[in-house]
Amino acid sequence: MARKPLPPQWLDEDEQQAWRHYLHASRLLEAVMDRDLQTHGLQLTEYEIIMVLSGAPERRLRMSAIAEQVVQSRSRLSHTAGRLEKRGWVRREACVGDRRGVELVLTDAGSAAVIEMAPTHVHSVRANLVAPLSHEEFLALGRAMGAVDRGIKSKEAVDRVLTAEEQPA
């Protein structure tokens, strides 16, 4: 027997305003950071992947681990990785010790690209996210978004988000 859904707990006026500010500002932030990286000819989603790899041991990670970190489906990550491969910034290799898995490896050229683009990215983060906030507000934002992240992960919603694009419509 199907359970009857609970009635919605509507947002009050202050919550609605906070939600709308968050939604608008988060989309603006991503758009402006993407625009800033366009000066280097790539998108924020591409930069994020090579940045994650640059901090990984031996500059390599399983594709599934990258997909989870950058919140992309494996299919979308595969397409993005293809664009990065054409630039010579990454290569795909079978996982060491598990030939079924695939790792993405940052090449020397990719590492040099991250180093070249990092100042542009850091400037954009500082100018558009850090500077408008006090230090305490910025740290509070980090704690708040960490709580949101943990809450979503505790409900296993991340797996549903990451695989939704791979399901037939």
N, C-alpha and C. Protein backbone atom coordinates (compact mmCIF):
# COMPACT_ATOMS: atom_id res chain seq x y z
N MET A 1 0.83 -1.17 0.00
CA MET A 1 0.00 0.00 0.00
C MET A 1 0.88 1.24 0.00
N ALA A 2 0.65 2.16 -0.93
CA ALA A 2 1.45 3.39 -1.05
C ALA A 2 1.14 4.34 0.10
N ARG A 3 2.20 4.96 0.60
CA ARG A 3 2.02 5.93 1.68
C ARG A 3 1.61 7.26 1.09
N LYS A 4 0.72 7.93 1.77
CA LYS A 4 0.28 9.25 1.34
C LYS A 4 1.39 10.26 1.64
N PRO A 5 1.77 11.06 0.64
CA PRO A 5 2.85 12.03 0.90
C PRO A 5 2.43 13.06 1.94
N LEU A 6 3.42 13.49 2.70
CA LEU A 6 3.17 14.52 3.71
C LEU A 6 2.88 15.85 3.02
N PRO A 7 2.04 16.69 3.62
CA PRO A 7 1.80 18.01 3.02
C PRO A 7 3.09 18.82 3.05
N PRO A 8 3.28 19.68 2.06
CA PRO A 8 4.52 20.47 2.02
C PRO A 8 4.62 21.42 3.20
N GLN A 9 5.83 21.62 3.67
CA GLN A 9 6.09 22.61 4.71
C GLN A 9 6.60 23.85 3.98
N TRP A 10 5.71 24.75 3.61
CA TRP A 10 6.04 25.90 2.78
C TRP A 10 7.08 26.79 3.46
N LEU A 11 7.89 27.43 2.66
CA LEU A 11 8.88 28.37 3.17
C LEU A 11 8.18 29.64 3.62
N ASP A 12 8.64 30.18 4.76
CA ASP A 12 8.07 31.46 5.16
C ASP A 12 8.70 32.56 4.29
N GLU A 13 8.29 33.79 4.49
CA GLU A 13 8.75 34.88 3.63
C GLU A 13 10.27 35.06 3.66
N ASP A 14 10.86 35.01 4.86
CA ASP A 14 12.31 35.16 4.98
C ASP A 14 13.04 33.99 4.33
N GLU A 15 12.55 32.77 4.55
CA GLU A 15 13.16 31.59 3.94
C GLU A 15 13.06 31.65 2.41
N GLN A 16 11.91 32.09 1.92
CA GLN A 16 11.72 32.20 0.47
C GLN A 16 12.72 33.21 -0.12
N GLN A 17 12.89 34.34 0.55
CA GLN A 17 13.83 35.35 0.08
C GLN A 17 15.27 34.81 0.11
N ALA A 18 15.63 34.12 1.20
CA ALA A 18 16.98 33.55 1.31
C ALA A 18 17.21 32.51 0.21
N TRP A 19 16.22 31.66 -0.05
CA TRP A 19 16.34 30.65 -1.09
C TRP A 19 16.54 31.30 -2.45
N ARG A 20 15.77 32.31 -2.75
CA ARG A 20 15.87 32.98 -4.05
C ARG A 20 17.22 33.69 -4.21
N HIS A 21 17.70 34.31 -3.13
CA HIS A 21 19.03 34.94 -3.18
C HIS A 21 20.11 33.89 -3.45
N TYR A 22 20.00 32.76 -2.73
CA TYR A 22 20.99 31.70 -2.92
C TYR A 22 20.96 31.20 -4.37
N LEU A 23 19.79 30.90 -4.88
CA LEU A 23 19.65 30.35 -6.22
C LEU A 23 20.22 31.31 -7.27
N HIS A 24 19.83 32.56 -7.17
CA HIS A 24 20.29 33.56 -8.14
C HIS A 24 21.81 33.77 -8.04
N ALA A 25 22.30 33.97 -6.83
CA ALA A 25 23.73 34.24 -6.64
C ALA A 25 24.59 33.04 -7.02
N SER A 26 24.14 31.83 -6.72
CA SER A 26 24.95 30.65 -7.07
C SER A 26 25.07 30.49 -8.58
N ARG A 27 23.99 30.79 -9.28
CA ARG A 27 24.05 30.71 -10.75
C ARG A 27 24.90 31.83 -11.33
N LEU A 28 24.79 33.03 -10.78
CA LEU A 28 25.64 34.13 -11.23
C LEU A 28 27.11 33.83 -10.97
N LEU A 29 27.40 33.29 -9.79
CA LEU A 29 28.78 32.98 -9.43
C LEU A 29 29.38 31.98 -10.41
N GLU A 30 28.65 30.93 -10.71
CA GLU A 30 29.17 29.94 -11.65
C GLU A 30 29.35 30.55 -13.04
N ALA A 31 28.42 31.39 -13.47
CA ALA A 31 28.52 32.02 -14.79
C ALA A 31 29.71 32.96 -14.88
N VAL A 32 29.95 33.76 -13.85
CA VAL A 32 31.06 34.71 -13.90
C VAL A 32 32.40 33.99 -13.81
N MET A 33 32.47 32.93 -13.03
CA MET A 33 33.72 32.17 -12.94
C MET A 33 33.99 31.43 -14.25
N ASP A 34 32.94 30.94 -14.88
CA ASP A 34 33.07 30.31 -16.19
C ASP A 34 33.57 31.33 -17.21
N ARG A 35 32.98 32.51 -17.18
CA ARG A 35 33.39 33.58 -18.10
C ARG A 35 34.86 33.95 -17.91
N ASP A 36 35.29 34.04 -16.67
CA ASP A 36 36.68 34.39 -16.41
C ASP A 36 37.65 33.35 -16.96
N LEU A 37 37.30 32.08 -16.88
CA LEU A 37 38.16 31.03 -17.42
C LEU A 37 38.11 30.95 -18.93
N GLN A 38 37.08 31.54 -19.54
CA GLN A 38 36.99 31.56 -21.00
C GLN A 38 38.20 32.28 -21.61
N THR A 39 38.83 33.16 -20.86
CA THR A 39 40.04 33.83 -21.37
C THR A 39 41.14 32.81 -21.66
N HIS A 40 41.04 31.64 -21.04
CA HIS A 40 41.99 30.55 -21.28
C HIS A 40 41.40 29.50 -22.22
N GLY A 41 40.19 29.76 -22.70
CA GLY A 41 39.57 28.85 -23.66
C GLY A 41 38.98 27.59 -23.08
N LEU A 42 38.59 27.61 -21.81
CA LEU A 42 37.93 26.44 -21.26
C LEU A 42 36.85 26.84 -20.28
N GLN A 43 36.04 25.86 -19.92
CA GLN A 43 34.91 26.08 -19.02
C GLN A 43 35.29 25.72 -17.60
N LEU A 44 34.52 26.24 -16.66
CA LEU A 44 34.75 25.95 -15.25
C LEU A 44 34.70 24.45 -14.99
N THR A 45 33.78 23.74 -15.62
CA THR A 45 33.68 22.29 -15.42
C THR A 45 34.96 21.57 -15.87
N GLU A 46 35.58 22.05 -16.93
CA GLU A 46 36.84 21.46 -17.40
C GLU A 46 37.98 21.78 -16.43
N TYR A 47 38.04 23.03 -16.00
CA TYR A 47 39.09 23.44 -15.06
C TYR A 47 38.97 22.66 -13.76
N GLU A 48 37.75 22.47 -13.30
CA GLU A 48 37.54 21.77 -12.03
C GLU A 48 38.13 20.36 -12.09
N ILE A 49 37.97 19.69 -13.20
CA ILE A 49 38.49 18.33 -13.34
C ILE A 49 40.02 18.31 -13.28
N ILE A 50 40.66 19.19 -14.04
CA ILE A 50 42.13 19.18 -14.02
C ILE A 50 42.67 19.69 -12.69
N MET A 51 41.92 20.56 -12.02
CA MET A 51 42.32 21.04 -10.70
C MET A 51 42.25 19.89 -9.69
N VAL A 52 41.17 19.11 -9.73
CA VAL A 52 41.03 17.96 -8.83
C VAL A 52 42.18 16.98 -9.07
N LEU A 53 42.48 16.71 -10.33
CA LEU A 53 43.57 15.79 -10.65
C LEU A 53 44.92 16.32 -10.18
N SER A 54 45.11 17.63 -10.25
CA SER A 54 46.41 18.21 -9.86
C SER A 54 46.70 17.98 -8.38
N GLY A 55 45.67 17.83 -7.57
CA GLY A 55 45.86 17.60 -6.14
C GLY A 55 45.80 16.14 -5.74
N ALA A 56 45.57 15.26 -6.69
CA ALA A 56 45.44 13.83 -6.39
C ALA A 56 46.82 13.16 -6.36
N PRO A 57 46.96 12.10 -5.59
CA PRO A 57 48.22 11.36 -5.59
C PRO A 57 48.57 10.90 -7.01
N GLU A 58 49.79 11.16 -7.41
CA GLU A 58 50.27 10.81 -8.74
C GLU A 58 49.43 11.41 -9.86
N ARG A 59 48.67 12.47 -9.52
CA ARG A 59 47.82 13.19 -10.49
C ARG A 59 46.87 12.26 -11.23
N ARG A 60 46.29 11.29 -10.51
CA ARG A 60 45.38 10.33 -11.12
C ARG A 60 44.26 9.97 -10.16
N LEU A 61 43.07 9.76 -10.73
CA LEU A 61 41.90 9.33 -9.95
C LEU A 61 40.99 8.50 -10.83
N ARG A 62 40.24 7.61 -10.18
CA ARG A 62 39.20 6.85 -10.89
C ARG A 62 38.17 7.83 -11.42
N MET A 63 37.65 7.54 -12.59
CA MET A 63 36.62 8.39 -13.20
C MET A 63 35.42 8.52 -12.26
N SER A 64 35.04 7.43 -11.60
CA SER A 64 33.88 7.48 -10.70
C SER A 64 34.12 8.42 -9.53
N ALA A 65 35.35 8.46 -9.01
CA ALA A 65 35.68 9.36 -7.89
C ALA A 65 35.64 10.82 -8.35
N ILE A 66 36.12 11.08 -9.56
CA ILE A 66 36.08 12.45 -10.09
C ILE A 66 34.64 12.87 -10.29
N ALA A 67 33.82 12.00 -10.86
CA ALA A 67 32.42 12.32 -11.11
C ALA A 67 31.72 12.73 -9.82
N GLU A 68 32.02 12.01 -8.74
CA GLU A 68 31.40 12.34 -7.45
C GLU A 68 31.90 13.69 -6.93
N GLN A 69 33.20 13.95 -7.06
CA GLN A 69 33.76 15.21 -6.55
C GLN A 69 33.25 16.43 -7.31
N VAL A 70 33.09 16.31 -8.62
CA VAL A 70 32.69 17.47 -9.41
C VAL A 70 31.18 17.47 -9.71
N VAL A 71 30.47 16.51 -9.15
CA VAL A 71 29.02 16.36 -9.28
C VAL A 71 28.60 16.37 -10.77
N GLN A 72 29.14 15.39 -11.48
CA GLN A 72 28.76 15.16 -12.87
C GLN A 72 28.45 13.68 -13.03
N SER A 73 27.54 13.37 -13.94
CA SER A 73 27.30 11.96 -14.24
C SER A 73 28.56 11.41 -14.89
N ARG A 74 28.72 10.12 -14.85
CA ARG A 74 29.89 9.49 -15.48
C ARG A 74 29.88 9.75 -16.98
N SER A 75 28.70 9.77 -17.55
CA SER A 75 28.57 10.04 -18.98
C SER A 75 29.05 11.44 -19.33
N ARG A 76 28.60 12.43 -18.57
CA ARG A 76 29.03 13.81 -18.82
C ARG A 76 30.52 13.97 -18.58
N LEU A 77 31.02 13.34 -17.52
CA LEU A 77 32.45 13.41 -17.23
C LEU A 77 33.25 12.81 -18.39
N SER A 78 32.76 11.73 -18.95
CA SER A 78 33.45 11.09 -20.06
C SER A 78 33.57 12.04 -21.26
N HIS A 79 32.49 12.76 -21.55
CA HIS A 79 32.52 13.74 -22.65
C HIS A 79 33.51 14.87 -22.35
N THR A 80 33.47 15.37 -21.13
CA THR A 80 34.38 16.45 -20.74
C THR A 80 35.83 15.97 -20.80
N ALA A 81 36.06 14.76 -20.31
CA ALA A 81 37.41 14.19 -20.35
C ALA A 81 37.89 14.06 -21.80
N GLY A 82 36.98 13.75 -22.70
CA GLY A 82 37.34 13.67 -24.12
C GLY A 82 37.86 14.99 -24.65
N ARG A 83 37.22 16.08 -24.25
CA ARG A 83 37.68 17.41 -24.68
C ARG A 83 39.06 17.71 -24.10
N LEU A 84 39.28 17.32 -22.85
CA LEU A 84 40.58 17.55 -22.21
C LEU A 84 41.66 16.66 -22.83
N GLU A 85 41.29 15.45 -23.24
CA GLU A 85 42.24 14.56 -23.92
C GLU A 85 42.70 15.17 -25.24
N LYS A 86 41.77 15.76 -25.98
CA LYS A 86 42.12 16.38 -27.27
C LYS A 86 43.14 17.50 -27.09
N ARG A 87 43.12 18.15 -25.95
CA ARG A 87 44.09 19.21 -25.65
C ARG A 87 45.43 18.64 -25.18
N GLY A 88 45.43 17.35 -24.86
CA GLY A 88 46.64 16.72 -24.35
C GLY A 88 46.83 16.92 -22.86
N TRP A 89 45.77 17.31 -22.15
CA TRP A 89 45.89 17.61 -20.73
C TRP A 89 45.63 16.40 -19.83
N VAL A 90 44.91 15.42 -20.32
CA VAL A 90 44.64 14.20 -19.55
C VAL A 90 44.75 13.00 -20.48
N ARG A 91 44.87 11.82 -19.85
CA ARG A 91 44.76 10.58 -20.61
C ARG A 91 44.03 9.57 -19.71
N ARG A 92 43.38 8.64 -20.36
CA ARG A 92 42.67 7.58 -19.62
C ARG A 92 43.57 6.35 -19.57
N GLU A 93 43.58 5.73 -18.40
CA GLU A 93 44.36 4.50 -18.23
C GLU A 93 43.54 3.53 -17.39
N ALA A 94 43.78 2.25 -17.60
CA ALA A 94 43.15 1.23 -16.75
C ALA A 94 43.67 1.42 -15.32
N CYS A 95 42.81 1.20 -14.37
CA CYS A 95 43.19 1.35 -12.96
C CYS A 95 44.27 0.34 -12.59
N VAL A 96 45.22 0.81 -11.86
CA VAL A 96 46.27 -0.07 -11.35
C VAL A 96 45.62 -1.03 -10.36
N GLY A 97 45.80 -2.31 -10.58
CA GLY A 97 45.24 -3.31 -9.66
C GLY A 97 43.79 -3.67 -9.93
N ASP A 98 43.11 -2.95 -10.82
CA ASP A 98 41.72 -3.25 -11.16
C ASP A 98 41.47 -2.83 -12.60
N ARG A 99 41.74 -3.70 -13.52
CA ARG A 99 41.68 -3.38 -14.94
C ARG A 99 40.27 -3.03 -15.42
N ARG A 100 39.23 -3.29 -14.59
CA ARG A 100 37.87 -2.96 -15.00
C ARG A 100 37.61 -1.46 -14.90
N GLY A 101 38.27 -0.80 -13.97
CA GLY A 101 38.07 0.63 -13.77
C GLY A 101 38.95 1.46 -14.67
N VAL A 102 38.58 2.73 -14.82
CA VAL A 102 39.35 3.66 -15.64
C VAL A 102 39.75 4.85 -14.77
N GLU A 103 41.02 5.22 -14.89
CA GLU A 103 41.51 6.40 -14.19
C GLU A 103 41.79 7.50 -15.21
N LEU A 104 41.62 8.71 -14.76
CA LEU A 104 42.01 9.87 -15.56
C LEU A 104 43.32 10.36 -14.97
N VAL A 105 44.29 10.60 -15.83
CA VAL A 105 45.63 11.00 -15.40
C VAL A 105 45.94 12.37 -15.99
N LEU A 106 46.38 13.29 -15.14
CA LEU A 106 46.77 14.62 -15.59
C LEU A 106 48.17 14.54 -16.20
N THR A 107 48.32 14.99 -17.43
CA THR A 107 49.62 14.99 -18.11
C THR A 107 50.45 16.18 -17.63
N ASP A 108 51.71 16.19 -18.03
CA ASP A 108 52.57 17.34 -17.72
C ASP A 108 51.99 18.61 -18.34
N ALA A 109 51.46 18.49 -19.56
CA ALA A 109 50.85 19.66 -20.22
C ALA A 109 49.61 20.13 -19.44
N GLY A 110 48.85 19.18 -18.92
CA GLY A 110 47.68 19.53 -18.12
C GLY A 110 48.07 20.20 -16.81
N SER A 111 49.13 19.71 -16.20
CA SER A 111 49.63 20.32 -14.97
C SER A 111 50.09 21.75 -15.23
N ALA A 112 50.78 21.94 -16.34
CA ALA A 112 51.23 23.30 -16.71
C ALA A 112 50.03 24.21 -16.96
N ALA A 113 48.96 23.67 -17.55
CA ALA A 113 47.75 24.45 -17.81
C ALA A 113 47.09 24.88 -16.50
N VAL A 114 47.03 23.97 -15.53
CA VAL A 114 46.46 24.33 -14.22
C VAL A 114 47.26 25.45 -13.58
N ILE A 115 48.57 25.33 -13.62
CA ILE A 115 49.45 26.35 -13.03
C ILE A 115 49.23 27.70 -13.72
N GLU A 116 49.08 27.68 -15.03
CA GLU A 116 48.86 28.92 -15.79
C GLU A 116 47.50 29.54 -15.47
N MET A 117 46.46 28.72 -15.31
CA MET A 117 45.10 29.24 -15.10
C MET A 117 44.75 29.51 -13.65
N ALA A 118 45.49 28.93 -12.72
CA ALA A 118 45.16 29.07 -11.30
C ALA A 118 45.06 30.52 -10.85
N PRO A 119 45.96 31.41 -11.25
CA PRO A 119 45.81 32.80 -10.80
C PRO A 119 44.49 33.44 -11.27
N THR A 120 44.06 33.14 -12.49
CA THR A 120 42.78 33.66 -12.99
C THR A 120 41.64 33.13 -12.14
N HIS A 121 41.67 31.83 -11.86
CA HIS A 121 40.59 31.21 -11.07
C HIS A 121 40.56 31.75 -9.64
N VAL A 122 41.72 31.82 -9.00
CA VAL A 122 41.78 32.32 -7.62
C VAL A 122 41.31 33.77 -7.55
N HIS A 123 41.72 34.58 -8.52
CA HIS A 123 41.27 35.97 -8.56
C HIS A 123 39.74 36.02 -8.67
N SER A 124 39.17 35.19 -9.52
CA SER A 124 37.72 35.16 -9.69
C SER A 124 37.01 34.74 -8.40
N VAL A 125 37.54 33.70 -7.75
CA VAL A 125 36.95 33.25 -6.48
C VAL A 125 37.00 34.37 -5.44
N ARG A 126 38.17 35.01 -5.33
CA ARG A 126 38.31 36.08 -4.34
C ARG A 126 37.40 37.27 -4.66
N ALA A 127 37.41 37.70 -5.91
CA ALA A 127 36.65 38.89 -6.30
C ALA A 127 35.14 38.67 -6.20
N ASN A 128 34.68 37.47 -6.53
CA ASN A 128 33.24 37.25 -6.64
C ASN A 128 32.60 36.53 -5.47
N LEU A 129 33.40 35.86 -4.64
CA LEU A 129 32.83 35.14 -3.51
C LEU A 129 33.42 35.58 -2.18
N VAL A 130 34.72 35.66 -2.09
CA VAL A 130 35.35 35.97 -0.80
C VAL A 130 35.21 37.45 -0.46
N ALA A 131 35.51 38.34 -1.40
CA ALA A 131 35.53 39.78 -1.12
C ALA A 131 34.19 40.35 -0.65
N PRO A 132 33.06 39.94 -1.21
CA PRO A 132 31.80 40.53 -0.75
C PRO A 132 31.40 40.13 0.68
N LEU A 133 32.09 39.15 1.25
CA LEU A 133 31.75 38.65 2.58
C LEU A 133 32.84 38.99 3.58
N SER A 134 32.45 39.10 4.85
CA SER A 134 33.47 39.20 5.89
C SER A 134 34.10 37.81 6.02
N HIS A 135 35.24 37.77 6.69
CA HIS A 135 35.92 36.48 6.89
C HIS A 135 34.99 35.51 7.62
N GLU A 136 34.29 36.01 8.64
CA GLU A 136 33.38 35.16 9.42
C GLU A 136 32.22 34.68 8.55
N GLU A 137 31.67 35.54 7.70
CA GLU A 137 30.59 35.14 6.81
C GLU A 137 31.04 34.07 5.82
N PHE A 138 32.26 34.24 5.29
CA PHE A 138 32.78 33.26 4.34
C PHE A 138 32.95 31.90 5.01
N LEU A 139 33.52 31.89 6.22
CA LEU A 139 33.69 30.62 6.93
C LEU A 139 32.33 30.01 7.28
N ALA A 140 31.38 30.86 7.66
CA ALA A 140 30.02 30.36 7.95
C ALA A 140 29.37 29.77 6.70
N LEU A 141 29.61 30.40 5.56
CA LEU A 141 29.09 29.86 4.30
C LEU A 141 29.68 28.47 4.05
N GLY A 142 30.97 28.32 4.26
CA GLY A 142 31.61 27.02 4.08
C GLY A 142 31.02 25.97 5.01
N ARG A 143 30.79 26.35 6.27
CA ARG A 143 30.19 25.40 7.22
C ARG A 143 28.76 25.05 6.79
N ALA A 144 28.01 26.06 6.37
CA ALA A 144 26.62 25.82 5.96
C ALA A 144 26.56 24.91 4.74
N MET A 145 27.40 25.16 3.75
CA MET A 145 27.38 24.33 2.55
C MET A 145 27.90 22.92 2.86
N GLY A 146 28.82 22.80 3.81
CA GLY A 146 29.26 21.48 4.26
C GLY A 146 28.11 20.70 4.88
N ALA A 147 27.28 21.39 5.65
CA ALA A 147 26.11 20.74 6.26
C ALA A 147 25.11 20.31 5.19
N VAL A 148 24.91 21.15 4.18
CA VAL A 148 24.01 20.79 3.08
C VAL A 148 24.56 19.55 2.36
N ASP A 149 25.86 19.56 2.09
CA ASP A 149 26.51 18.43 1.42
C ASP A 149 26.31 17.14 2.22
N ARG A 150 26.58 17.20 3.51
CA ARG A 150 26.42 16.01 4.35
C ARG A 150 24.97 15.55 4.40
N GLY A 151 24.04 16.50 4.45
CA GLY A 151 22.62 16.14 4.48
C GLY A 151 22.18 15.42 3.23
N ILE A 152 22.60 15.91 2.09
CA ILE A 152 22.24 15.27 0.82
C ILE A 152 22.88 13.89 0.73
N LYS A 153 24.15 13.80 1.09
CA LYS A 153 24.85 12.50 1.03
C LYS A 153 24.22 11.49 1.99
N SER A 154 23.74 11.94 3.14
CA SER A 154 23.15 11.01 4.10
C SER A 154 21.86 10.40 3.57
N LYS A 155 21.23 11.06 2.63
CA LYS A 155 19.99 10.54 2.03
C LYS A 155 20.27 9.76 0.75
N GLU A 156 21.54 9.57 0.43
CA GLU A 156 21.97 8.87 -0.79
C GLU A 156 21.41 9.52 -2.05
N ALA A 157 21.06 10.80 -1.96
CA ALA A 157 20.53 11.52 -3.11
C ALA A 157 21.59 11.76 -4.16
N VAL A 158 22.86 11.80 -3.77
CA VAL A 158 23.95 12.06 -4.71
C VAL A 158 23.96 10.98 -5.79
N ASP A 159 23.83 9.72 -5.39
CA ASP A 159 23.83 8.63 -6.37
C ASP A 159 22.69 8.81 -7.37
N ARG A 160 21.53 9.23 -6.90
CA ARG A 160 20.40 9.43 -7.81
C ARG A 160 20.66 10.60 -8.75
N VAL A 161 21.31 11.66 -8.27
CA VAL A 161 21.64 12.81 -9.12
C VAL A 161 22.66 12.40 -10.17
N LEU A 162 23.70 11.69 -9.76
CA LEU A 162 24.78 11.33 -10.68
C LEU A 162 24.35 10.32 -11.73
N THR A 163 23.32 9.52 -11.44
CA THR A 163 22.88 8.52 -12.41
C THR A 163 21.63 8.94 -13.16
N ALA A 164 21.00 10.05 -12.80
CA ALA A 164 19.75 10.47 -13.43
C ALA A 164 19.90 10.69 -14.93
N GLU A 165 21.03 11.26 -15.35
CA GLU A 165 21.24 11.54 -16.78
C GLU A 165 21.44 10.27 -17.57
N GLU A 166 21.80 9.19 -16.89
CA GLU A 166 22.09 7.95 -17.58
C GLU A 166 20.85 7.07 -17.72
N GLN A 167 19.75 7.47 -17.11
CA GLN A 167 18.52 6.70 -17.18
C GLN A 167 17.71 7.09 -18.42
N PRO A 168 17.04 6.14 -19.05
CA PRO A 168 16.19 6.49 -20.19
C PRO A 168 15.03 7.38 -19.74
N ALA A 169 14.65 8.30 -20.61
CA ALA A 169 13.58 9.23 -20.26
C ALA A 169 12.21 8.58 -20.37
